[in-house]
């Protein structure tokens, strides 16, 4: 998940939604 944000921003993972990225980022913050 720590790599996903960069991959989504680069356009490499179009199948991952913004909500999923937000949840992936939120979980370690929580």
ModelCIF file with pLDDT and N, C-alpha, C, O atoms, coordinates in Angstrom:
data_MODEL
#
_entry.id   MODEL 
#
_entity.id                         1 
_entity.type                       polymer 
_entity.pdbx_number_of_molecules   1 
#
_entity_poly.entity_id                      1 
_entity_poly.type                           'polypeptide(L)' 
_entity_poly.nstd_linkage                   no 
_entity_poly.nstd_monomer                   no 
_entity_poly.pdbx_seq_one_letter_code       
;(UNK)(UNK)(UNK)(UNK)(UNK)(UNK)(UNK)(UNK)(UNK)(UNK)(UNK)(UNK)(UNK)(UNK)(UNK)(UNK)
(UNK)(UNK)(UNK)(UNK)(UNK)(UNK)(UNK)(UNK)(UNK)(UNK)(UNK)(UNK)(UNK)(UNK)
;
_entity_poly.pdbx_seq_one_letter_code_can   XXXXXXXXXXXXXXXXXXXXXXXXXXXXXX 
_entity_poly.pdbx_strand_id                 A 
#
loop_
_entity_poly_seq.entity_id 
_entity_poly_seq.num 
_entity_poly_seq.mon_id 
_entity_poly_seq.hetero 
1 1  UNK n 
1 2  UNK n 
1 3  UNK n 
1 4  UNK n 
1 5  UNK n 
1 6  UNK n 
1 7  UNK n 
1 8  UNK n 
1 9  UNK n 
1 10 UNK n 
1 11 UNK n 
1 12 UNK n 
1 13 UNK n 
1 14 UNK n 
1 15 UNK n 
1 16 UNK n 
1 17 UNK n 
1 18 UNK n 
1 19 UNK n 
1 20 UNK n 
1 21 UNK n 
1 22 UNK n 
1 23 UNK n 
1 24 UNK n 
1 25 UNK n 
1 26 UNK n 
1 27 UNK n 
1 28 UNK n 
1 29 UNK n 
1 30 UNK n 
#
_struct_asym.id          A 
_struct_asym.entity_id   1 
#
loop_
_ma_qa_metric.id 
_ma_qa_metric.mode 
_ma_qa_metric.name 
_ma_qa_metric.software_group_id 
_ma_qa_metric.type 
1 global pLDDT . pLDDT 
2 local  pLDDT . pLDDT 
#
_ma_qa_metric_global.metric_id      1 
_ma_qa_metric_global.metric_value   80.00 
_ma_qa_metric_global.model_id       1 
_ma_qa_metric_global.ordinal_id     1 
#
loop_
_ma_qa_metric_local.label_asym_id 
_ma_qa_metric_local.label_comp_id 
_ma_qa_metric_local.label_seq_id 
_ma_qa_metric_local.metric_id 
_ma_qa_metric_local.metric_value 
_ma_qa_metric_local.model_id 
_ma_qa_metric_local.ordinal_id 
A UNK 1  2 78.00 1 1  
A UNK 2  2 76.00 1 2  
A UNK 3  2 79.00 1 3  
A UNK 4  2 76.00 1 4  
A UNK 5  2 76.00 1 5  
A UNK 6  2 77.00 1 6  
A UNK 7  2 78.00 1 7  
A UNK 8  2 77.00 1 8  
A UNK 9  2 77.00 1 9  
A UNK 10 2 80.00 1 10 
A UNK 11 2 78.00 1 11 
A UNK 12 2 75.00 1 12 
A UNK 13 2 71.00 1 13 
A UNK 14 2 73.00 1 14 
A UNK 15 2 71.00 1 15 
A UNK 16 2 71.00 1 16 
A UNK 17 2 74.00 1 17 
A UNK 18 2 75.00 1 18 
A UNK 19 2 79.00 1 19 
A UNK 20 2 78.00 1 20 
A UNK 21 2 79.00 1 21 
A UNK 22 2 82.00 1 22 
A UNK 23 2 85.00 1 23 
A UNK 24 2 83.00 1 24 
A UNK 25 2 85.00 1 25 
A UNK 26 2 91.00 1 26 
A UNK 27 2 93.00 1 27 
A UNK 28 2 93.00 1 28 
A UNK 29 2 94.00 1 29 
A UNK 30 2 96.00 1 30 
#
loop_
_atom_site.group_PDB 
_atom_site.id 
_atom_site.type_symbol 
_atom_site.label_atom_id 
_atom_site.label_alt_id 
_atom_site.label_comp_id 
_atom_site.label_asym_id 
_atom_site.label_entity_id 
_atom_site.label_seq_id 
_atom_site.pdbx_PDB_ins_code 
_atom_site.Cartn_x 
_atom_site.Cartn_y 
_atom_site.Cartn_z 
_atom_site.occupancy 
_atom_site.B_iso_or_equiv 
_atom_site.pdbx_formal_charge 
_atom_site.auth_seq_id 
_atom_site.auth_comp_id 
_atom_site.auth_asym_id 
_atom_site.auth_atom_id 
_atom_site.pdbx_PDB_model_num 
ATOM 1   N N  . UNK A 1 1  ? 0.801   -1.229 0.000   1.00 78.00 ? 1  UNK A N  1 
ATOM 2   C CA . UNK A 1 1  ? 0.000   0.000  0.000   1.00 78.00 ? 1  UNK A CA 1 
ATOM 3   C C  . UNK A 1 1  ? 0.834   1.279  0.000   1.00 78.00 ? 1  UNK A C  1 
ATOM 4   O O  . UNK A 1 1  ? 0.405   2.301  -0.537  1.00 78.00 ? 1  UNK A O  1 
ATOM 5   N N  . UNK A 1 2  ? 2.013   1.226  0.595   1.00 76.00 ? 2  UNK A N  1 
ATOM 6   C CA . UNK A 1 2  ? 2.863   2.416  0.622   1.00 76.00 ? 2  UNK A CA 1 
ATOM 7   C C  . UNK A 1 2  ? 3.318   2.805  -0.795  1.00 76.00 ? 2  UNK A C  1 
ATOM 8   O O  . UNK A 1 2  ? 3.627   3.970  -1.046  1.00 76.00 ? 2  UNK A O  1 
ATOM 9   N N  . UNK A 1 3  ? 3.358   1.840  -1.716  1.00 79.00 ? 3  UNK A N  1 
ATOM 10  C CA . UNK A 1 3  ? 3.744   2.109  -3.100  1.00 79.00 ? 3  UNK A CA 1 
ATOM 11  C C  . UNK A 1 3  ? 2.566   2.496  -3.987  1.00 79.00 ? 3  UNK A C  1 
ATOM 12  O O  . UNK A 1 3  ? 2.760   3.064  -5.062  1.00 79.00 ? 3  UNK A O  1 
ATOM 13  N N  . UNK A 1 4  ? 1.367   2.197  -3.553  1.00 76.00 ? 4  UNK A N  1 
ATOM 14  C CA . UNK A 1 4  ? 0.193   2.355  -4.401  1.00 76.00 ? 4  UNK A CA 1 
ATOM 15  C C  . UNK A 1 4  ? -0.062  3.810  -4.766  1.00 76.00 ? 4  UNK A C  1 
ATOM 16  O O  . UNK A 1 4  ? -0.419  4.105  -5.906  1.00 76.00 ? 4  UNK A O  1 
ATOM 17  N N  . UNK A 1 5  ? 0.114   4.714  -3.824  1.00 76.00 ? 5  UNK A N  1 
ATOM 18  C CA . UNK A 1 5  ? -0.151  6.120  -4.099  1.00 76.00 ? 5  UNK A CA 1 
ATOM 19  C C  . UNK A 1 5  ? 0.685   6.616  -5.275  1.00 76.00 ? 5  UNK A C  1 
ATOM 20  O O  . UNK A 1 5  ? 0.168   7.299  -6.160  1.00 76.00 ? 5  UNK A O  1 
ATOM 21  N N  . UNK A 1 6  ? 1.966   6.278  -5.289  1.00 77.00 ? 6  UNK A N  1 
ATOM 22  C CA . UNK A 1 6  ? 2.830   6.671  -6.405  1.00 77.00 ? 6  UNK A CA 1 
ATOM 23  C C  . UNK A 1 6  ? 2.408   6.029  -7.713  1.00 77.00 ? 6  UNK A C  1 
ATOM 24  O O  . UNK A 1 6  ? 2.451   6.674  -8.761  1.00 77.00 ? 6  UNK A O  1 
ATOM 25  N N  . UNK A 1 7  ? 2.001   4.772  -7.668  1.00 78.00 ? 7  UNK A N  1 
ATOM 26  C CA . UNK A 1 7  ? 1.566   4.082  -8.879  1.00 78.00 ? 7  UNK A CA 1 
ATOM 27  C C  . UNK A 1 7  ? 0.274   4.677  -9.439  1.00 78.00 ? 7  UNK A C  1 
ATOM 28  O O  . UNK A 1 7  ? 0.116   4.803  -10.653 1.00 78.00 ? 7  UNK A O  1 
ATOM 29  N N  . UNK A 1 8  ? -0.648  5.042  -8.544  1.00 77.00 ? 8  UNK A N  1 
ATOM 30  C CA . UNK A 1 8  ? -1.905  5.635  -8.996  1.00 77.00 ? 8  UNK A CA 1 
ATOM 31  C C  . UNK A 1 8  ? -1.651  7.027  -9.580  1.00 77.00 ? 8  UNK A C  1 
ATOM 32  O O  . UNK A 1 8  ? -2.234  7.391  -10.600 1.00 77.00 ? 8  UNK A O  1 
ATOM 33  N N  . UNK A 1 9  ? -0.784  7.796  -8.932  1.00 77.00 ? 9  UNK A N  1 
ATOM 34  C CA . UNK A 1 9  ? -0.473  9.139  -9.445  1.00 77.00 ? 9  UNK A CA 1 
ATOM 35  C C  . UNK A 1 9  ? 0.225   9.071  -10.799 1.00 77.00 ? 9  UNK A C  1 
ATOM 36  O O  . UNK A 1 9  ? 0.066   9.974  -11.621 1.00 77.00 ? 9  UNK A O  1 
ATOM 37  N N  . UNK A 1 10 ? 0.995   8.012  -11.040 1.00 80.00 ? 10 UNK A N  1 
ATOM 38  C CA . UNK A 1 10 ? 1.685   7.845  -12.318 1.00 80.00 ? 10 UNK A CA 1 
ATOM 39  C C  . UNK A 1 10 ? 0.755   7.275  -13.392 1.00 80.00 ? 10 UNK A C  1 
ATOM 40  O O  . UNK A 1 10 ? 1.123   7.226  -14.566 1.00 80.00 ? 10 UNK A O  1 
ATOM 41  N N  . UNK A 1 11 ? -0.447  6.846  -12.998 1.00 78.00 ? 11 UNK A N  1 
ATOM 42  C CA . UNK A 1 11 ? -1.394  6.294  -13.954 1.00 78.00 ? 11 UNK A CA 1 
ATOM 43  C C  . UNK A 1 11 ? -1.192  4.816  -14.233 1.00 78.00 ? 11 UNK A C  1 
ATOM 44  O O  . UNK A 1 11 ? -1.783  4.281  -15.171 1.00 78.00 ? 11 UNK A O  1 
ATOM 45  N N  . UNK A 1 12 ? -0.376  4.151  -13.445 1.00 75.00 ? 12 UNK A N  1 
ATOM 46  C CA . UNK A 1 12 ? -0.087  2.733  -13.661 1.00 75.00 ? 12 UNK A CA 1 
ATOM 47  C C  . UNK A 1 12 ? -1.188  1.809  -13.143 1.00 75.00 ? 12 UNK A C  1 
ATOM 48  O O  . UNK A 1 12 ? -1.259  0.648  -13.546 1.00 75.00 ? 12 UNK A O  1 
ATOM 49  N N  . UNK A 1 13 ? -2.033  2.303  -12.266 1.00 71.00 ? 13 UNK A N  1 
ATOM 50  C CA . UNK A 1 13 ? -3.089  1.476  -11.670 1.00 71.00 ? 13 UNK A CA 1 
ATOM 51  C C  . UNK A 1 13 ? -4.452  2.138  -11.862 1.00 71.00 ? 13 UNK A C  1 
ATOM 52  O O  . UNK A 1 13 ? -5.027  2.649  -10.900 1.00 71.00 ? 13 UNK A O  1 
ATOM 53  N N  . UNK A 1 14 ? -4.970  2.137  -13.071 1.00 73.00 ? 14 UNK A N  1 
ATOM 54  C CA . UNK A 1 14 ? -6.276  2.765  -13.280 1.00 73.00 ? 14 UNK A CA 1 
ATOM 55  C C  . UNK A 1 14 ? -7.427  1.995  -12.636 1.00 73.00 ? 14 UNK A C  1 
ATOM 56  O O  . UNK A 1 14 ? -8.514  2.546  -12.463 1.00 73.00 ? 14 UNK A O  1 
ATOM 57  N N  . UNK A 1 15 ? -7.205  0.728  -12.278 1.00 71.00 ? 15 UNK A N  1 
ATOM 58  C CA . UNK A 1 15 ? -8.274  -0.078 -11.688 1.00 71.00 ? 15 UNK A CA 1 
ATOM 59  C C  . UNK A 1 15 ? -8.506  0.232  -10.211 1.00 71.00 ? 15 UNK A C  1 
ATOM 60  O O  . UNK A 1 15 ? -9.501  -0.215 -9.640  1.00 71.00 ? 15 UNK A O  1 
ATOM 61  N N  . UNK A 1 16 ? -7.604  0.990  -9.582  1.00 71.00 ? 16 UNK A N  1 
ATOM 62  C CA . UNK A 1 16 ? -7.739  1.322  -8.168  1.00 71.00 ? 16 UNK A CA 1 
ATOM 63  C C  . UNK A 1 16 ? -8.413  2.687  -8.055  1.00 71.00 ? 16 UNK A C  1 
ATOM 64  O O  . UNK A 1 16 ? -7.937  3.675  -8.615  1.00 71.00 ? 16 UNK A O  1 
ATOM 65  N N  . UNK A 1 17 ? -9.526  2.729  -7.324  1.00 74.00 ? 17 UNK A N  1 
ATOM 66  C CA . UNK A 1 17 ? -10.289 3.972  -7.210  1.00 74.00 ? 17 UNK A CA 1 
ATOM 67  C C  . UNK A 1 17 ? -9.657  4.926  -6.201  1.00 74.00 ? 17 UNK A C  1 
ATOM 68  O O  . UNK A 1 17 ? -8.801  4.537  -5.406  1.00 74.00 ? 17 UNK A O  1 
ATOM 69  N N  . UNK A 1 18 ? -10.089 6.162  -6.250  1.00 75.00 ? 18 UNK A N  1 
ATOM 70  C CA . UNK A 1 18 ? -9.605  7.184  -5.323  1.00 75.00 ? 18 UNK A CA 1 
ATOM 71  C C  . UNK A 1 18 ? -9.990  6.840  -3.893  1.00 75.00 ? 18 UNK A C  1 
ATOM 72  O O  . UNK A 1 18 ? -9.206  7.066  -2.972  1.00 75.00 ? 18 UNK A O  1 
ATOM 73  N N  . UNK A 1 19 ? -11.182 6.298  -3.696  1.00 79.00 ? 19 UNK A N  1 
ATOM 74  C CA . UNK A 1 19 ? -11.627 5.910  -2.353  1.00 79.00 ? 19 UNK A CA 1 
ATOM 75  C C  . UNK A 1 19 ? -10.745 4.805  -1.785  1.00 79.00 ? 19 UNK A C  1 
ATOM 76  O O  . UNK A 1 19 ? -10.422 4.820  -0.598  1.00 79.00 ? 19 UNK A O  1 
ATOM 77  N N  . UNK A 1 20 ? -10.357 3.857  -2.617  1.00 78.00 ? 20 UNK A N  1 
ATOM 78  C CA . UNK A 1 20 ? -9.480  2.777  -2.157  1.00 78.00 ? 20 UNK A CA 1 
ATOM 79  C C  . UNK A 1 20 ? -8.104  3.321  -1.794  1.00 78.00 ? 20 UNK A C  1 
ATOM 80  O O  . UNK A 1 20 ? -7.506  2.896  -0.806  1.00 78.00 ? 20 UNK A O  1 
ATOM 81  N N  . UNK A 1 21 ? -7.608  4.251  -2.582  1.00 79.00 ? 21 UNK A N  1 
ATOM 82  C CA . UNK A 1 21 ? -6.311  4.867  -2.274  1.00 79.00 ? 21 UNK A CA 1 
ATOM 83  C C  . UNK A 1 21 ? -6.399  5.630  -0.955  1.00 79.00 ? 21 UNK A C  1 
ATOM 84  O O  . UNK A 1 21 ? -5.493  5.549  -0.125  1.00 79.00 ? 21 UNK A O  1 
ATOM 85  N N  . UNK A 1 22 ? -7.488  6.370  -0.764  1.00 82.00 ? 22 UNK A N  1 
ATOM 86  C CA . UNK A 1 22 ? -7.672  7.111  0.485   1.00 82.00 ? 22 UNK A CA 1 
ATOM 87  C C  . UNK A 1 22 ? -7.708  6.158  1.681   1.00 82.00 ? 22 UNK A C  1 
ATOM 88  O O  . UNK A 1 22 ? -7.123  6.451  2.725   1.00 82.00 ? 22 UNK A O  1 
ATOM 89  N N  . UNK A 1 23 ? -8.388  5.027  1.535   1.00 85.00 ? 23 UNK A N  1 
ATOM 90  C CA . UNK A 1 23 ? -8.458  4.044  2.619   1.00 85.00 ? 23 UNK A CA 1 
ATOM 91  C C  . UNK A 1 23 ? -7.089  3.413  2.871   1.00 85.00 ? 23 UNK A C  1 
ATOM 92  O O  . UNK A 1 23 ? -6.712  3.180  4.020   1.00 85.00 ? 23 UNK A O  1 
ATOM 93  N N  . UNK A 1 24 ? -6.352  3.137  1.803   1.00 83.00 ? 24 UNK A N  1 
ATOM 94  C CA . UNK A 1 24 ? -5.013  2.563  1.951   1.00 83.00 ? 24 UNK A CA 1 
ATOM 95  C C  . UNK A 1 24 ? -4.074  3.523  2.671   1.00 83.00 ? 24 UNK A C  1 
ATOM 96  O O  . UNK A 1 24 ? -3.201  3.099  3.428   1.00 83.00 ? 24 UNK A O  1 
ATOM 97  N N  . UNK A 1 25 ? -4.256  4.806  2.434   1.00 85.00 ? 25 UNK A N  1 
ATOM 98  C CA . UNK A 1 25 ? -3.427  5.815  3.104   1.00 85.00 ? 25 UNK A CA 1 
ATOM 99  C C  . UNK A 1 25 ? -3.913  6.039  4.533   1.00 85.00 ? 25 UNK A C  1 
ATOM 100 O O  . UNK A 1 25 ? -3.107  6.243  5.441   1.00 85.00 ? 25 UNK A O  1 
ATOM 101 N N  . UNK A 1 26 ? -5.229  6.001  4.732   1.00 91.00 ? 26 UNK A N  1 
ATOM 102 C CA . UNK A 1 26 ? -5.800  6.275  6.054   1.00 91.00 ? 26 UNK A CA 1 
ATOM 103 C C  . UNK A 1 26 ? -5.475  5.192  7.073   1.00 91.00 ? 26 UNK A C  1 
ATOM 104 O O  . UNK A 1 26 ? -5.296  5.494  8.252   1.00 91.00 ? 26 UNK A O  1 
ATOM 105 N N  . UNK A 1 27 ? -5.397  3.950  6.647   1.00 93.00 ? 27 UNK A N  1 
ATOM 106 C CA . UNK A 1 27 ? -5.208  2.855  7.605   1.00 93.00 ? 27 UNK A CA 1 
ATOM 107 C C  . UNK A 1 27 ? -3.901  2.964  8.395   1.00 93.00 ? 27 UNK A C  1 
ATOM 108 O O  . UNK A 1 27 ? -3.940  2.828  9.618   1.00 93.00 ? 27 UNK A O  1 
ATOM 109 N N  . UNK A 1 28 ? -2.751  3.200  7.766   1.00 93.00 ? 28 UNK A N  1 
ATOM 110 C CA . UNK A 1 28 ? -1.549  3.369  8.586   1.00 93.00 ? 28 UNK A CA 1 
ATOM 111 C C  . UNK A 1 28 ? -1.565  4.647  9.425   1.00 93.00 ? 28 UNK A C  1 
ATOM 112 O O  . UNK A 1 28 ? -0.952  4.697  10.491  1.00 93.00 ? 28 UNK A O  1 
ATOM 113 N N  . UNK A 1 29 ? -2.261  5.675  8.950   1.00 94.00 ? 29 UNK A N  1 
ATOM 114 C CA . UNK A 1 29 ? -2.383  6.898  9.748   1.00 94.00 ? 29 UNK A CA 1 
ATOM 115 C C  . UNK A 1 29 ? -3.201  6.612  11.008  1.00 94.00 ? 29 UNK A C  1 
ATOM 116 O O  . UNK A 1 29 ? -2.850  7.062  12.099  1.00 94.00 ? 29 UNK A O  1 
ATOM 117 N N  . UNK A 1 30 ? -4.285  5.867  10.849  1.00 96.00 ? 30 UNK A N  1 
ATOM 118 C CA . UNK A 1 30 ? -5.082  5.461  12.010  1.00 96.00 ? 30 UNK A CA 1 
ATOM 119 C C  . UNK A 1 30 ? -4.258  4.597  12.954  1.00 96.00 ? 30 UNK A C  1 
ATOM 120 O O  . UNK A 1 30 ? -4.761  4.160  13.989  1.00 96.00 ? 30 UNK A O  1 
#
